[in-house]
Amino acid sequence: MVKRIILGLALFFLVFSLASCQTVQGIGSDITWIGEAGAEILEQ
């Protein structure tokens, strides 16, 4: 259940970050941020 919530949140942020970024560098930094946030959640 928790993994589904995390996956849903990650997809939500990914969709909105892709919609808001207009450069490849911006998309890369957003994906990195989402990965780091997911890792922090899983460590708790």
C-alpha atoms as a PDB file:
ATOM      1  CA  MET A   1       0.000   0.000   0.000  1.00  0.00           C
ATOM      2  CA  VAL A   2       2.796   2.414   0.918  1.00  0.00           C
ATOM      3  CA  LYS A   3       4.678   1.608  -2.282  1.00  0.00           C
ATOM      4  CA  ARG A   4       1.571   2.421  -4.340  1.00  0.00           C
ATOM      5  CA  ILE A   5       1.244   5.782  -2.597  1.00  0.00           C
ATOM      6  CA  ILE A   6       4.924   6.591  -3.176  1.00  0.00           C
ATOM      7  CA  LEU A   7       4.663   5.538  -6.814  1.00  0.00           C
ATOM      8  CA  GLY A   8       1.561   7.666  -7.263  1.00  0.00           C
ATOM      9  CA  LEU A   9       3.221  10.707  -5.748  1.00  0.00           C
ATOM     10  CA  ALA A  10       6.349  10.199  -7.848  1.00  0.00           C
ATOM     11  CA  LEU A  11       4.277   9.964 -11.033  1.00  0.00           C
ATOM     12  CA  PHE A  12       2.280  13.034 -10.008  1.00  0.00           C
ATOM     13  CA  PHE A  13       5.428  15.100  -9.481  1.00  0.00           C
ATOM     14  CA  LEU A  14       7.015  13.721 -12.633  1.00  0.00           C
ATOM     15  CA  VAL A  15       4.063  14.744 -14.789  1.00  0.00           C
ATOM     16  CA  PHE A  16       3.945  18.252 -13.357  1.00  0.00           C
ATOM     17  CA  SER A  17       7.715  18.699 -13.493  1.00  0.00           C
ATOM     18  CA  LEU A  18       7.761  17.682 -17.157  1.00  0.00           C
ATOM     19  CA  ALA A  19       4.934  20.081 -17.869  1.00  0.00           C
ATOM     20  CA  SER A  20       6.700  22.952 -16.126  1.00  0.00           C
ATOM     21  CA  CYS A  21      10.225  22.399 -17.481  1.00  0.00           C
ATOM     22  CA  GLN A  22      11.158  23.651 -20.892  1.00  0.00           C
ATOM     23  CA  THR A  23      14.783  22.534 -20.995  1.00  0.00           C
ATOM     24  CA  VAL A  24      16.498  19.166 -20.842  1.00  0.00           C
ATOM     25  CA  GLN A  25      18.623  20.371 -17.924  1.00  0.00           C
ATOM     26  CA  GLY A  26      15.499  21.392 -16.005  1.00  0.00           C
ATOM     27  CA  ILE A  27      13.892  18.004 -16.561  1.00  0.00           C
ATOM     28  CA  GLY A  28      17.065  16.256 -15.389  1.00  0.00           C
ATOM     29  CA  SER A  29      17.212  18.272 -12.188  1.00  0.00           C
ATOM     30  CA  ASP A  30      13.530  17.599 -11.482  1.00  0.00           C
ATOM     31  CA  ILE A  31      13.967  13.856 -11.995  1.00  0.00           C
ATOM     32  CA  THR A  32      16.990  13.917  -9.693  1.00  0.00           C
ATOM     33  CA  TRP A  33      14.977  15.761  -7.039  1.00  0.00           C
ATOM     34  CA  ILE A  34      12.124  13.245  -7.281  1.00  0.00           C
ATOM     35  CA  GLY A  35      14.572  10.353  -6.924  1.00  0.00           C
ATOM     36  CA  GLU A  36      16.205  11.894  -3.874  1.00  0.00           C
ATOM     37  CA  ALA A  37      12.835  12.611  -2.257  1.00  0.00           C
ATOM     38  CA  GLY A  38      11.718   9.026  -2.892  1.00  0.00           C
ATOM     39  CA  ALA A  39      14.936   7.671  -1.398  1.00  0.00           C
ATOM     40  CA  GLU A  40      14.467   9.781   1.729  1.00  0.00           C
ATOM     41  CA  ILE A  41      10.917   8.509   2.145  1.00  0.00           C
ATOM     42  CA  LEU A  42      12.025   4.892   1.796  1.00  0.00           C
ATOM     43  CA  GLU A  43      14.805   5.376   4.372  1.00  0.00           C
ATOM     44  CA  GLN A  44      12.312   6.418   7.046  1.00  0.00           C
END
